[in-house]
Amino acid sequence: MAKQVEKPEWARIAEAFDASGQTQREFALARGVRLSTLQSWVYRARRAAPSRAEAVRLLPVQVASAPEAAESVLEVVAAGGARVRFAVGTDVGYVARLVAALGR
């Protein structure tokens, strides 16, 4: 009969699994634990862990009038003073990633 494992021990087992590089099945077989129980505790541990998503920073925006010339170039000035100029129609996601990288 298998020994009853307490909650703090399962948290350590789930952490050990994440560091192991093994599949859940391999890890469960090696440790002699039920796969479904391991899966449950790994799920709980991951759900309880703080989010690793990068925080969103909002920056002030100043709207300026369009230049008189028929220039089709836009400019973004990052908080650190870096200026990025790009053509109208450039992928907005690309510009956002570029400005974020410059802000680091």
Protein backbone atom coordinates (compact mmCIF):
# COMPACT_ATOMS: atom_id res chain seq x y z
CA MET A 1 0.00 0.00 0.00
CA ALA A 2 1.38 3.41 -0.96
CA LYS A 3 2.19 5.99 1.67
CA GLN A 4 -0.18 8.97 1.90
CA VAL A 5 1.59 12.08 0.56
CA GLU A 6 0.74 15.43 2.15
CA LYS A 7 -0.07 18.66 0.30
CA PRO A 8 3.33 20.41 0.82
CA GLU A 9 5.09 17.30 -0.46
CA TRP A 10 2.94 17.31 -3.62
CA ALA A 11 3.88 20.93 -4.23
CA ARG A 12 7.56 19.91 -4.07
CA ILE A 13 6.90 16.93 -6.36
CA ALA A 14 5.16 19.19 -8.92
CA GLU A 15 8.13 21.60 -8.75
CA ALA A 16 10.55 18.69 -9.21
CA PHE A 17 8.58 17.55 -12.25
CA ASP A 18 8.84 21.00 -13.87
CA ALA A 19 12.62 20.93 -13.38
CA SER A 20 13.01 17.30 -14.52
CA GLY A 21 12.61 17.66 -18.28
CA GLN A 22 10.65 14.38 -18.29
CA THR A 23 7.14 13.79 -19.53
CA GLN A 24 4.50 13.49 -16.85
CA ARG A 25 4.19 9.75 -17.56
CA GLU A 26 7.96 9.18 -17.25
CA PHE A 27 8.16 11.21 -14.05
CA ALA A 28 5.17 9.42 -12.47
CA LEU A 29 6.63 6.00 -13.29
CA ALA A 30 10.06 6.96 -11.95
CA ARG A 31 8.59 8.32 -8.69
CA GLY A 32 5.96 5.61 -8.27
CA VAL A 33 3.04 8.05 -8.15
CA ARG A 34 -0.26 7.97 -9.98
CA LEU A 35 -0.15 9.91 -13.24
CA SER A 36 -3.57 11.52 -12.70
CA THR A 37 -2.55 12.76 -9.24
CA LEU A 38 0.70 14.20 -10.58
CA GLN A 39 -1.21 15.93 -13.40
CA SER A 40 -3.64 17.41 -10.91
CA TRP A 41 -0.92 18.83 -8.67
CA VAL A 42 1.13 20.16 -11.59
CA TYR A 43 -1.99 21.94 -12.85
CA ARG A 44 -2.67 23.41 -9.39
CA ALA A 45 0.92 24.58 -8.98
CA ARG A 46 0.98 26.26 -12.39
CA ARG A 47 -2.38 27.93 -11.82
CA ALA A 48 -1.27 29.28 -8.43
CA ALA A 49 2.07 30.58 -9.74
CA PRO A 50 2.25 34.31 -10.38
CA SER A 51 1.90 35.29 -14.01
CA ARG A 52 5.16 35.72 -15.90
CA ALA A 53 3.59 38.01 -18.46
CA GLU A 54 5.35 41.29 -18.91
CA ALA A 55 3.48 44.21 -17.36
CA VAL A 56 1.92 46.65 -19.78
CA ARG A 57 3.25 50.18 -19.53
CA LEU A 58 1.17 53.02 -20.85
CA LEU A 59 3.05 56.07 -22.05
CA PRO A 60 1.75 59.58 -22.55
CA VAL A 61 1.02 60.48 -26.15
CA GLN A 62 1.14 63.94 -27.62
CA VAL A 63 -0.81 64.48 -30.82
CA ALA A 64 0.84 66.91 -33.21
CA SER A 65 -0.56 68.42 -36.35
CA ALA A 66 0.39 66.73 -39.60
CA PRO A 67 3.33 68.24 -41.47
CA GLU A 68 2.50 70.40 -44.45
CA ALA A 69 4.64 68.32 -46.80
CA ALA A 70 3.08 65.27 -48.42
CA GLU A 71 5.48 63.12 -46.41
CA SER A 72 4.09 59.70 -45.54
CA VAL A 73 6.40 59.00 -42.62
CA LEU A 74 5.31 58.74 -38.98
CA GLU A 75 7.51 59.18 -35.94
CA VAL A 76 7.34 57.75 -32.42
CA VAL A 77 9.41 59.27 -29.63
CA ALA A 78 10.12 56.75 -26.84
CA ALA A 79 10.19 57.80 -23.18
CA GLY A 80 14.01 57.65 -23.26
CA GLY A 81 14.12 60.08 -26.18
CA ALA A 82 14.76 57.57 -28.97
CA ARG A 83 12.96 58.47 -32.20
CA VAL A 84 11.60 55.84 -34.56
CA ARG A 85 10.44 56.87 -38.02
CA PHE A 86 8.43 54.50 -40.18
CA ALA A 87 6.32 54.60 -43.30
CA VAL A 88 2.55 54.88 -43.11
CA GLY A 89 1.12 51.37 -43.31
CA THR A 90 3.94 49.70 -41.34
CA ASP A 91 2.68 46.88 -39.10
CA VAL A 92 1.65 48.51 -35.81
CA GLY A 93 2.64 45.39 -33.82
CA TYR A 94 6.16 45.60 -35.21
CA VAL A 95 6.45 49.26 -34.25
CA ALA A 96 5.12 48.53 -30.73
CA ARG A 97 7.68 45.73 -30.21
CA LEU A 98 10.47 47.96 -31.50
CA VAL A 99 9.53 50.84 -29.18
CA ALA A 100 9.20 48.42 -26.24
CA ALA A 101 12.66 47.00 -26.95
CA LEU A 102 14.13 50.50 -27.09
CA GLY A 103 12.57 51.30 -23.72
CA ARG A 104 14.40 48.50 -21.93
